[in-house]
ModelCIF file with pLDDT and N, C-alpha, C, O atoms, coordinates in Angstrom:
data_MODEL
#
_entry.id   MODEL 
#
_entity.id                         1 
_entity.type                       polymer 
_entity.pdbx_number_of_molecules   1 
#
_entity_poly.entity_id                      1 
_entity_poly.type                           'polypeptide(L)' 
_entity_poly.nstd_linkage                   no 
_entity_poly.nstd_monomer                   no 
_entity_poly.pdbx_seq_one_letter_code       KSLNAKKIIHKKLLKYLKNKKIKKIYNIFSDNLENYKNFQKLAI 
_entity_poly.pdbx_seq_one_letter_code_can   KSLNAKKIIHKKLLKYLKNKKIKKIYNIFSDNLENYKNFQKLAI 
_entity_poly.pdbx_strand_id                 A 
#
loop_
_entity_poly_seq.entity_id 
_entity_poly_seq.num 
_entity_poly_seq.mon_id 
_entity_poly_seq.hetero 
1 1  LYS n 
1 2  SER n 
1 3  LEU n 
1 4  ASN n 
1 5  ALA n 
1 6  LYS n 
1 7  LYS n 
1 8  ILE n 
1 9  ILE n 
1 10 HIS n 
1 11 LYS n 
1 12 LYS n 
1 13 LEU n 
1 14 LEU n 
1 15 LYS n 
1 16 TYR n 
1 17 LEU n 
1 18 LYS n 
1 19 ASN n 
1 20 LYS n 
1 21 LYS n 
1 22 ILE n 
1 23 LYS n 
1 24 LYS n 
1 25 ILE n 
1 26 TYR n 
1 27 ASN n 
1 28 ILE n 
1 29 PHE n 
1 30 SER n 
1 31 ASP n 
1 32 ASN n 
1 33 LEU n 
1 34 GLU n 
1 35 ASN n 
1 36 TYR n 
1 37 LYS n 
1 38 ASN n 
1 39 PHE n 
1 40 GLN n 
1 41 LYS n 
1 42 LEU n 
1 43 ALA n 
1 44 ILE n 
#
_struct_asym.id          A 
_struct_asym.entity_id   1 
#
loop_
_ma_qa_metric.id 
_ma_qa_metric.mode 
_ma_qa_metric.name 
_ma_qa_metric.software_group_id 
_ma_qa_metric.type 
1 global pLDDT . pLDDT 
2 local  pLDDT . pLDDT 
#
_ma_qa_metric_global.metric_id      1 
_ma_qa_metric_global.metric_value   87.57 
_ma_qa_metric_global.model_id       1 
_ma_qa_metric_global.ordinal_id     1 
#
loop_
_ma_qa_metric_local.label_asym_id 
_ma_qa_metric_local.label_comp_id 
_ma_qa_metric_local.label_seq_id 
_ma_qa_metric_local.metric_id 
_ma_qa_metric_local.metric_value 
_ma_qa_metric_local.model_id 
_ma_qa_metric_local.ordinal_id 
A LYS 1  2 55.00 1 1  
A SER 2  2 59.00 1 2  
A LEU 3  2 60.00 1 3  
A ASN 4  2 73.00 1 4  
A ALA 5  2 72.00 1 5  
A LYS 6  2 77.00 1 6  
A LYS 7  2 84.00 1 7  
A ILE 8  2 86.00 1 8  
A ILE 9  2 87.00 1 9  
A HIS 10 2 88.00 1 10 
A LYS 11 2 90.00 1 11 
A LYS 12 2 90.00 1 12 
A LEU 13 2 91.00 1 13 
A LEU 14 2 91.00 1 14 
A LYS 15 2 93.00 1 15 
A TYR 16 2 92.00 1 16 
A LEU 17 2 93.00 1 17 
A LYS 18 2 94.00 1 18 
A ASN 19 2 95.00 1 19 
A LYS 20 2 95.00 1 20 
A LYS 21 2 95.00 1 21 
A ILE 22 2 95.00 1 22 
A LYS 23 2 96.00 1 23 
A LYS 24 2 96.00 1 24 
A ILE 25 2 96.00 1 25 
A TYR 26 2 96.00 1 26 
A ASN 27 2 95.00 1 27 
A ILE 28 2 95.00 1 28 
A PHE 29 2 94.00 1 29 
A SER 30 2 94.00 1 30 
A ASP 31 2 93.00 1 31 
A ASN 32 2 92.00 1 32 
A LEU 33 2 90.00 1 33 
A GLU 34 2 88.00 1 34 
A ASN 35 2 86.00 1 35 
A TYR 36 2 85.00 1 36 
A LYS 37 2 82.00 1 37 
A ASN 38 2 83.00 1 38 
A PHE 39 2 84.00 1 39 
A GLN 40 2 83.00 1 40 
A LYS 41 2 90.00 1 41 
A LEU 42 2 92.00 1 42 
A ALA 43 2 94.00 1 43 
A ILE 44 2 94.00 1 44 
#
loop_
_atom_site.group_PDB 
_atom_site.id 
_atom_site.type_symbol 
_atom_site.label_atom_id 
_atom_site.label_alt_id 
_atom_site.label_comp_id 
_atom_site.label_asym_id 
_atom_site.label_entity_id 
_atom_site.label_seq_id 
_atom_site.pdbx_PDB_ins_code 
_atom_site.Cartn_x 
_atom_site.Cartn_y 
_atom_site.Cartn_z 
_atom_site.occupancy 
_atom_site.B_iso_or_equiv 
_atom_site.pdbx_formal_charge 
_atom_site.auth_seq_id 
_atom_site.auth_comp_id 
_atom_site.auth_asym_id 
_atom_site.auth_atom_id 
_atom_site.pdbx_PDB_model_num 
ATOM 1   N N  . LYS A 1 1  ? -38.273 -69.594 7.835  1.00 55.00 ? 1  LYS A N  1 
ATOM 2   C CA . LYS A 1 1  ? -37.018 -69.800 8.558  1.00 55.00 ? 1  LYS A CA 1 
ATOM 3   C C  . LYS A 1 1  ? -37.263 -70.536 9.880  1.00 55.00 ? 1  LYS A C  1 
ATOM 4   O O  . LYS A 1 1  ? -36.500 -71.421 10.267 1.00 55.00 ? 1  LYS A O  1 
ATOM 5   N N  . SER A 1 2  ? -38.347 -70.146 10.561 1.00 59.00 ? 2  SER A N  1 
ATOM 6   C CA . SER A 1 2  ? -38.697 -70.775 11.828 1.00 59.00 ? 2  SER A CA 1 
ATOM 7   C C  . SER A 1 2  ? -39.032 -72.246 11.640 1.00 59.00 ? 2  SER A C  1 
ATOM 8   O O  . SER A 1 2  ? -38.624 -73.092 12.435 1.00 59.00 ? 2  SER A O  1 
ATOM 9   N N  . LEU A 1 3  ? -39.783 -72.546 10.577 1.00 60.00 ? 3  LEU A N  1 
ATOM 10  C CA . LEU A 1 3  ? -40.146 -73.931 10.286 1.00 60.00 ? 3  LEU A CA 1 
ATOM 11  C C  . LEU A 1 3  ? -38.932 -74.758 9.916  1.00 60.00 ? 3  LEU A C  1 
ATOM 12  O O  . LEU A 1 3  ? -38.814 -75.918 10.310 1.00 60.00 ? 3  LEU A O  1 
ATOM 13  N N  . ASN A 1 4  ? -38.021 -74.150 9.150  1.00 73.00 ? 4  ASN A N  1 
ATOM 14  C CA . ASN A 1 4  ? -36.795 -74.848 8.750  1.00 73.00 ? 4  ASN A CA 1 
ATOM 15  C C  . ASN A 1 4  ? -35.921 -75.148 9.963  1.00 73.00 ? 4  ASN A C  1 
ATOM 16  O O  . ASN A 1 4  ? -35.350 -76.233 10.075 1.00 73.00 ? 4  ASN A O  1 
ATOM 17  N N  . ALA A 1 5  ? -35.820 -74.166 10.880 1.00 72.00 ? 5  ALA A N  1 
ATOM 18  C CA . ALA A 1 5  ? -35.028 -74.352 12.100 1.00 72.00 ? 5  ALA A CA 1 
ATOM 19  C C  . ALA A 1 5  ? -35.624 -75.471 12.943 1.00 72.00 ? 5  ALA A C  1 
ATOM 20  O O  . ALA A 1 5  ? -34.899 -76.282 13.519 1.00 72.00 ? 5  ALA A O  1 
ATOM 21  N N  . LYS A 1 6  ? -36.964 -75.506 13.011 1.00 77.00 ? 6  LYS A N  1 
ATOM 22  C CA . LYS A 1 6  ? -37.669 -76.538 13.770 1.00 77.00 ? 6  LYS A CA 1 
ATOM 23  C C  . LYS A 1 6  ? -37.386 -77.923 13.190 1.00 77.00 ? 6  LYS A C  1 
ATOM 24  O O  . LYS A 1 6  ? -37.146 -78.880 13.927 1.00 77.00 ? 6  LYS A O  1 
ATOM 25  N N  . LYS A 1 7  ? -37.417 -78.015 11.852 1.00 84.00 ? 7  LYS A N  1 
ATOM 26  C CA . LYS A 1 7  ? -37.158 -79.288 11.181 1.00 84.00 ? 7  LYS A CA 1 
ATOM 27  C C  . LYS A 1 7  ? -35.738 -79.773 11.447 1.00 84.00 ? 7  LYS A C  1 
ATOM 28  O O  . LYS A 1 7  ? -35.500 -80.963 11.651 1.00 84.00 ? 7  LYS A O  1 
ATOM 29  N N  . ILE A 1 8  ? -34.797 -78.828 11.440 1.00 86.00 ? 8  ILE A N  1 
ATOM 30  C CA . ILE A 1 8  ? -33.387 -79.170 11.682 1.00 86.00 ? 8  ILE A CA 1 
ATOM 31  C C  . ILE A 1 8  ? -33.207 -79.718 13.099 1.00 86.00 ? 8  ILE A C  1 
ATOM 32  O O  . ILE A 1 8  ? -32.512 -80.713 13.306 1.00 86.00 ? 8  ILE A O  1 
ATOM 33  N N  . ILE A 1 9  ? -33.848 -79.050 14.081 1.00 87.00 ? 9  ILE A N  1 
ATOM 34  C CA . ILE A 1 9  ? -33.769 -79.494 15.489 1.00 87.00 ? 9  ILE A CA 1 
ATOM 35  C C  . ILE A 1 9  ? -34.380 -80.884 15.640 1.00 87.00 ? 9  ILE A C  1 
ATOM 36  O O  . ILE A 1 9  ? -33.801 -81.756 16.289 1.00 87.00 ? 9  ILE A O  1 
ATOM 37  N N  . HIS A 1 10 ? -35.554 -81.085 15.037 1.00 88.00 ? 10 HIS A N  1 
ATOM 38  C CA . HIS A 1 10 ? -36.240 -82.376 15.125 1.00 88.00 ? 10 HIS A CA 1 
ATOM 39  C C  . HIS A 1 10 ? -35.396 -83.494 14.504 1.00 88.00 ? 10 HIS A C  1 
ATOM 40  O O  . HIS A 1 10 ? -35.291 -84.588 15.060 1.00 88.00 ? 10 HIS A O  1 
ATOM 41  N N  . LYS A 1 11 ? -34.809 -83.207 13.368 1.00 90.00 ? 11 LYS A N  1 
ATOM 42  C CA . LYS A 1 11 ? -33.976 -84.197 12.663 1.00 90.00 ? 11 LYS A CA 1 
ATOM 43  C C  . LYS A 1 11 ? -32.760 -84.568 13.524 1.00 90.00 ? 11 LYS A C  1 
ATOM 44  O O  . LYS A 1 11 ? -32.363 -85.732 13.590 1.00 90.00 ? 11 LYS A O  1 
ATOM 45  N N  . LYS A 1 12 ? -32.176 -83.553 14.184 1.00 90.00 ? 12 LYS A N  1 
ATOM 46  C CA . LYS A 1 12 ? -31.005 -83.775 15.034 1.00 90.00 ? 12 LYS A CA 1 
ATOM 47  C C  . LYS A 1 12 ? -31.358 -84.642 16.247 1.00 90.00 ? 12 LYS A C  1 
ATOM 48  O O  . LYS A 1 12 ? -30.615 -85.551 16.616 1.00 90.00 ? 12 LYS A O  1 
ATOM 49  N N  . LEU A 1 13 ? -32.507 -84.338 16.856 1.00 91.00 ? 13 LEU A N  1 
ATOM 50  C CA . LEU A 1 13 ? -32.940 -85.096 18.032 1.00 91.00 ? 13 LEU A CA 1 
ATOM 51  C C  . LEU A 1 13 ? -33.237 -86.555 17.687 1.00 91.00 ? 13 LEU A C  1 
ATOM 52  O O  . LEU A 1 13 ? -32.818 -87.468 18.398 1.00 91.00 ? 13 LEU A O  1 
ATOM 53  N N  . LEU A 1 14 ? -33.960 -86.761 16.595 1.00 91.00 ? 14 LEU A N  1 
ATOM 54  C CA . LEU A 1 14 ? -34.334 -88.123 16.194 1.00 91.00 ? 14 LEU A CA 1 
ATOM 55  C C  . LEU A 1 14 ? -33.125 -88.947 15.743 1.00 91.00 ? 14 LEU A C  1 
ATOM 56  O O  . LEU A 1 14 ? -33.143 -90.177 15.791 1.00 91.00 ? 14 LEU A O  1 
ATOM 57  N N  . LYS A 1 15 ? -32.087 -88.251 15.307 1.00 93.00 ? 15 LYS A N  1 
ATOM 58  C CA . LYS A 1 15 ? -30.875 -88.938 14.851 1.00 93.00 ? 15 LYS A CA 1 
ATOM 59  C C  . LYS A 1 15 ? -30.231 -89.753 15.973 1.00 93.00 ? 15 LYS A C  1 
ATOM 60  O O  . LYS A 1 15 ? -29.626 -90.795 15.721 1.00 93.00 ? 15 LYS A O  1 
ATOM 61  N N  . TYR A 1 16 ? -30.364 -89.273 17.211 1.00 92.00 ? 16 TYR A N  1 
ATOM 62  C CA . TYR A 1 16 ? -29.787 -89.985 18.361 1.00 92.00 ? 16 TYR A CA 1 
ATOM 63  C C  . TYR A 1 16 ? -30.446 -91.350 18.566 1.00 92.00 ? 16 TYR A C  1 
ATOM 64  O O  . TYR A 1 16 ? -29.857 -92.236 19.186 1.00 92.00 ? 16 TYR A O  1 
ATOM 65  N N  . LEU A 1 17 ? -31.671 -91.524 18.046 1.00 93.00 ? 17 LEU A N  1 
ATOM 66  C CA . LEU A 1 17 ? -32.369 -92.805 18.208 1.00 93.00 ? 17 LEU A CA 1 
ATOM 67  C C  . LEU A 1 17 ? -31.711 -93.928 17.395 1.00 93.00 ? 17 LEU A C  1 
ATOM 68  O O  . LEU A 1 17 ? -32.049 -95.101 17.553 1.00 93.00 ? 17 LEU A O  1 
ATOM 69  N N  . LYS A 1 18 ? -30.780 -93.556 16.536 1.00 94.00 ? 18 LYS A N  1 
ATOM 70  C CA . LYS A 1 18 ? -30.027 -94.572 15.796 1.00 94.00 ? 18 LYS A CA 1 
ATOM 71  C C  . LYS A 1 18 ? -29.007 -95.263 16.697 1.00 94.00 ? 18 LYS A C  1 
ATOM 72  O O  . LYS A 1 18 ? -28.526 -96.354 16.393 1.00 94.00 ? 18 LYS A O  1 
ATOM 73  N N  . ASN A 1 19 ? -28.686 -94.603 17.814 1.00 95.00 ? 19 ASN A N  1 
ATOM 74  C CA . ASN A 1 19 ? -27.804 -95.197 18.818 1.00 95.00 ? 19 ASN A CA 1 
ATOM 75  C C  . ASN A 1 19 ? -28.563 -96.347 19.498 1.00 95.00 ? 19 ASN A C  1 
ATOM 76  O O  . ASN A 1 19 ? -29.660 -96.135 20.015 1.00 95.00 ? 19 ASN A O  1 
ATOM 77  N N  . LYS A 1 20 ? -27.998 -97.547 19.504 1.00 95.00 ? 20 LYS A N  1 
ATOM 78  C CA . LYS A 1 20 ? -28.698 -98.735 20.023 1.00 95.00 ? 20 LYS A CA 1 
ATOM 79  C C  . LYS A 1 20 ? -29.103 -98.594 21.489 1.00 95.00 ? 20 LYS A C  1 
ATOM 80  O O  . LYS A 1 20 ? -30.196 -99.006 21.877 1.00 95.00 ? 20 LYS A O  1 
ATOM 81  N N  . LYS A 1 21 ? -28.215 -98.009 22.306 1.00 95.00 ? 21 LYS A N  1 
ATOM 82  C CA . LYS A 1 21 ? -28.520 -97.835 23.734 1.00 95.00 ? 21 LYS A CA 1 
ATOM 83  C C  . LYS A 1 21 ? -29.703 -96.892 23.929 1.00 95.00 ? 21 LYS A C  1 
ATOM 84  O O  . LYS A 1 21 ? -30.608 -97.155 24.721 1.00 95.00 ? 21 LYS A O  1 
ATOM 85  N N  . ILE A 1 22 ? -29.672 -95.791 23.190 1.00 95.00 ? 22 ILE A N  1 
ATOM 86  C CA . ILE A 1 22 ? -30.736 -94.789 23.322 1.00 95.00 ? 22 ILE A CA 1 
ATOM 87  C C  . ILE A 1 22 ? -32.046 -95.320 22.741 1.00 95.00 ? 22 ILE A C  1 
ATOM 88  O O  . ILE A 1 22 ? -33.118 -95.066 23.290 1.00 95.00 ? 22 ILE A O  1 
ATOM 89  N N  . LYS A 1 23 ? -31.963 -96.041 21.654 1.00 96.00 ? 23 LYS A N  1 
ATOM 90  C CA . LYS A 1 23 ? -33.163 -96.626 21.042 1.00 96.00 ? 23 LYS A CA 1 
ATOM 91  C C  . LYS A 1 23 ? -33.830 -97.615 22.000 1.00 96.00 ? 23 LYS A C  1 
ATOM 92  O O  . LYS A 1 23 ? -35.057 -97.676 22.078 1.00 96.00 ? 23 LYS A O  1 
ATOM 93  N N  . LYS A 1 24 ? -33.025 -98.382 22.722 1.00 96.00 ? 24 LYS A N  1 
ATOM 94  C CA . LYS A 1 24 ? -33.561 -99.344 23.688 1.00 96.00 ? 24 LYS A CA 1 
ATOM 95  C C  . LYS A 1 24 ? -34.318 -98.617 24.801 1.00 96.00 ? 24 LYS A C  1 
ATOM 96  O O  . LYS A 1 24 ? -35.409 -99.030 25.194 1.00 96.00 ? 24 LYS A O  1 
ATOM 97  N N  . ILE A 1 25 ? -33.722 -97.524 25.306 1.00 96.00 ? 25 ILE A N  1 
ATOM 98  C CA . ILE A 1 25 ? -34.366 -96.729 26.357 1.00 96.00 ? 25 ILE A CA 1 
ATOM 99  C C  . ILE A 1 25 ? -35.659 -96.120 25.839 1.00 96.00 ? 25 ILE A C  1 
ATOM 100 O O  . ILE A 1 25 ? -36.675 -96.117 26.534 1.00 96.00 ? 25 ILE A O  1 
ATOM 101 N N  . TYR A 1 26 ? -35.615 -95.602 24.609 1.00 96.00 ? 26 TYR A N  1 
ATOM 102 C CA . TYR A 1 26 ? -36.824 -94.984 24.027 1.00 96.00 ? 26 TYR A CA 1 
ATOM 103 C C  . TYR A 1 26 ? -37.944 -96.013 23.876 1.00 96.00 ? 26 TYR A C  1 
ATOM 104 O O  . TYR A 1 26 ? -39.109 -95.699 24.116 1.00 96.00 ? 26 TYR A O  1 
ATOM 105 N N  . ASN A 1 27 ? -37.605 -97.215 23.488 1.00 95.00 ? 27 ASN A N  1 
ATOM 106 C CA . ASN A 1 27 ? -38.617 -98.262 23.301 1.00 95.00 ? 27 ASN A CA 1 
ATOM 107 C C  . ASN A 1 27 ? -39.303 -98.603 24.629 1.00 95.00 ? 27 ASN A C  1 
ATOM 108 O O  . ASN A 1 27 ? -40.516 -98.806 24.671 1.00 95.00 ? 27 ASN A O  1 
ATOM 109 N N  . ILE A 1 28 ? -38.519 -98.665 25.710 1.00 95.00 ? 28 ILE A N  1 
ATOM 110 C CA . ILE A 1 28 ? -39.097 -98.924 27.037 1.00 95.00 ? 28 ILE A CA 1 
ATOM 111 C C  . ILE A 1 28 ? -40.033 -97.774 27.418 1.00 95.00 ? 28 ILE A C  1 
ATOM 112 O O  . ILE A 1 28 ? -41.148 -97.991 27.891 1.00 95.00 ? 28 ILE A O  1 
ATOM 113 N N  . PHE A 1 29 ? -39.552 -96.549 27.202 1.00 94.00 ? 29 PHE A N  1 
ATOM 114 C CA . PHE A 1 29 ? -40.352 -95.354 27.487 1.00 94.00 ? 29 PHE A CA 1 
ATOM 115 C C  . PHE A 1 29 ? -41.660 -95.368 26.695 1.00 94.00 ? 29 PHE A C  1 
ATOM 116 O O  . PHE A 1 29 ? -42.733 -95.138 27.253 1.00 94.00 ? 29 PHE A O  1 
ATOM 117 N N  . SER A 1 30 ? -41.564 -95.634 25.419 1.00 94.00 ? 30 SER A N  1 
ATOM 118 C CA . SER A 1 30 ? -42.738 -95.641 24.537 1.00 94.00 ? 30 SER A CA 1 
ATOM 119 C C  . SER A 1 30 ? -43.719 -96.750 24.911 1.00 94.00 ? 30 SER A C  1 
ATOM 120 O O  . SER A 1 30 ? -44.932 -96.541 24.907 1.00 94.00 ? 30 SER A O  1 
ATOM 121 N N  . ASP A 1 31 ? -43.186 -97.932 25.237 1.00 93.00 ? 31 ASP A N  1 
ATOM 122 C CA . ASP A 1 31 ? -44.034 -99.066 25.640 1.00 93.00 ? 31 ASP A CA 1 
ATOM 123 C C  . ASP A 1 31 ? -44.826 -98.735 26.906 1.00 93.00 ? 31 ASP A C  1 
ATOM 124 O O  . ASP A 1 31 ? -45.986 -99.124 27.041 1.00 93.00 ? 31 ASP A O  1 
ATOM 125 N N  . ASN A 1 32 ? -44.195 -98.024 27.819 1.00 92.00 ? 32 ASN A N  1 
ATOM 126 C CA . ASN A 1 32 ? -44.865 -97.661 29.076 1.00 92.00 ? 32 ASN A CA 1 
ATOM 127 C C  . ASN A 1 32 ? -45.957 -96.610 28.872 1.00 92.00 ? 32 ASN A C  1 
ATOM 128 O O  . ASN A 1 32 ? -46.781 -96.383 29.758 1.00 92.00 ? 32 ASN A O  1 
ATOM 129 N N  . LEU A 1 33 ? -45.959 -95.975 27.708 1.00 90.00 ? 33 LEU A N  1 
ATOM 130 C CA . LEU A 1 33 ? -47.003 -94.999 27.376 1.00 90.00 ? 33 LEU A CA 1 
ATOM 131 C C  . LEU A 1 33 ? -48.074 -95.592 26.453 1.00 90.00 ? 33 LEU A C  1 
ATOM 132 O O  . LEU A 1 33 ? -48.990 -94.892 26.023 1.00 90.00 ? 33 LEU A O  1 
ATOM 133 N N  . GLU A 1 34 ? -47.948 -96.876 26.158 1.00 88.00 ? 34 GLU A N  1 
ATOM 134 C CA . GLU A 1 34 ? -48.850 -97.533 25.200 1.00 88.00 ? 34 GLU A CA 1 
ATOM 135 C C  . GLU A 1 34 ? -50.315 -97.382 25.598 1.00 88.00 ? 34 GLU A C  1 
ATOM 136 O O  . GLU A 1 34 ? -51.170 -97.174 24.737 1.00 88.00 ? 34 GLU A O  1 
ATOM 137 N N  . ASN A 1 35 ? -50.610 -97.484 26.876 1.00 86.00 ? 35 ASN A N  1 
ATOM 138 C CA . ASN A 1 35 ? -52.004 -97.400 27.335 1.00 86.00 ? 35 ASN A CA 1 
ATOM 139 C C  . ASN A 1 35 ? -52.522 -95.970 27.434 1.00 86.00 ? 35 ASN A C  1 
ATOM 140 O O  . ASN A 1 35 ? -53.666 -95.745 27.829 1.00 86.00 ? 35 ASN A O  1 
ATOM 141 N N  . TYR A 1 36 ? -51.672 -94.998 27.071 1.00 85.00 ? 36 TYR A N  1 
ATOM 142 C CA . TYR A 1 36 ? -52.055 -93.585 27.223 1.00 85.00 ? 36 TYR A CA 1 
ATOM 143 C C  . TYR A 1 36 ? -51.958 -92.807 25.916 1.00 85.00 ? 36 TYR A C  1 
ATOM 144 O O  . TYR A 1 36 ? -51.799 -91.586 25.917 1.00 85.00 ? 36 TYR A O  1 
ATOM 145 N N  . LYS A 1 37 ? -52.057 -93.527 24.804 1.00 82.00 ? 37 LYS A N  1 
ATOM 146 C CA . LYS A 1 37 ? -51.961 -92.880 23.493 1.00 82.00 ? 37 LYS A CA 1 
ATOM 147 C C  . LYS A 1 37 ? -53.102 -91.897 23.240 1.00 82.00 ? 37 LYS A C  1 
ATOM 148 O O  . LYS A 1 37 ? -52.973 -90.966 22.446 1.00 82.00 ? 37 LYS A O  1 
ATOM 149 N N  . ASN A 1 38 ? -54.213 -92.120 23.923 1.00 83.00 ? 38 ASN A N  1 
ATOM 150 C CA . ASN A 1 38 ? -55.360 -91.219 23.740 1.00 83.00 ? 38 ASN A CA 1 
ATOM 151 C C  . ASN A 1 38 ? -55.199 -89.921 24.532 1.00 83.00 ? 38 ASN A C  1 
ATOM 152 O O  . ASN A 1 38 ? -56.004 -89.002 24.378 1.00 83.00 ? 38 ASN A O  1 
ATOM 153 N N  . PHE A 1 39 ? -54.170 -89.836 25.375 1.00 84.00 ? 39 PHE A N  1 
ATOM 154 C CA . PHE A 1 39 ? -53.866 -88.596 26.089 1.00 84.00 ? 39 PHE A CA 1 
ATOM 155 C C  . PHE A 1 39 ? -53.065 -87.702 25.141 1.00 84.00 ? 39 PHE A C  1 
ATOM 156 O O  . PHE A 1 39 ? -51.855 -87.877 24.994 1.00 84.00 ? 39 PHE A O  1 
ATOM 157 N N  . GLN A 1 40 ? -53.726 -86.763 24.510 1.00 83.00 ? 40 GLN A N  1 
ATOM 158 C CA . GLN A 1 40 ? -53.068 -85.910 23.523 1.00 83.00 ? 40 GLN A CA 1 
ATOM 159 C C  . GLN A 1 40 ? -52.163 -84.852 24.166 1.00 83.00 ? 40 GLN A C  1 
ATOM 160 O O  . GLN A 1 40 ? -51.324 -84.254 23.492 1.00 83.00 ? 40 GLN A O  1 
ATOM 161 N N  . LYS A 1 41 ? -52.337 -84.629 25.459 1.00 90.00 ? 41 LYS A N  1 
ATOM 162 C CA . LYS A 1 41 ? -51.509 -83.678 26.192 1.00 90.00 ? 41 LYS A CA 1 
ATOM 163 C C  . LYS A 1 41 ? -50.807 -84.392 27.343 1.00 90.00 ? 41 LYS A C  1 
ATOM 164 O O  . LYS A 1 41 ? -51.432 -85.135 28.100 1.00 90.00 ? 41 LYS A O  1 
ATOM 165 N N  . LEU A 1 42 ? -49.500 -84.159 27.464 1.00 92.00 ? 42 LEU A N  1 
ATOM 166 C CA . LEU A 1 42 ? -48.714 -84.740 28.544 1.00 92.00 ? 42 LEU A CA 1 
ATOM 167 C C  . LEU A 1 42 ? -47.899 -83.642 29.209 1.00 92.00 ? 42 LEU A C  1 
ATOM 168 O O  . LEU A 1 42 ? -47.539 -82.655 28.568 1.00 92.00 ? 42 LEU A O  1 
ATOM 169 N N  . ALA A 1 43 ? -47.609 -83.812 30.491 1.00 94.00 ? 43 ALA A N  1 
ATOM 170 C CA . ALA A 1 43 ? -46.761 -82.860 31.211 1.00 94.00 ? 43 ALA A CA 1 
ATOM 171 C C  . ALA A 1 43 ? -45.511 -83.571 31.711 1.00 94.00 ? 43 ALA A C  1 
ATOM 172 O O  . ALA A 1 43 ? -45.555 -84.748 32.068 1.00 94.00 ? 43 ALA A O  1 
ATOM 173 N N  . ILE A 1 44 ? -44.401 -82.847 31.731 1.00 94.00 ? 44 ILE A N  1 
ATOM 174 C CA . ILE A 1 44 ? -43.129 -83.387 32.198 1.00 94.00 ? 44 ILE A CA 1 
ATOM 175 C C  . ILE A 1 44 ? -42.651 -82.577 33.393 1.00 94.00 ? 44 ILE A C  1 
ATOM 176 O O  . ILE A 1 44 ? -41.590 -82.862 33.947 1.00 94.00 ? 44 ILE A O  1 
#
């Protein structure tokens, strides 16, 4: 049940990336992390 709930949340969050405005922001964010892909842990 916990895994299923997690999958549902993840699917819902990723669905917003279909929005063109949000996808554009995500791409900028992801590009700025390109040089740090080897950092397996990040803090916010």
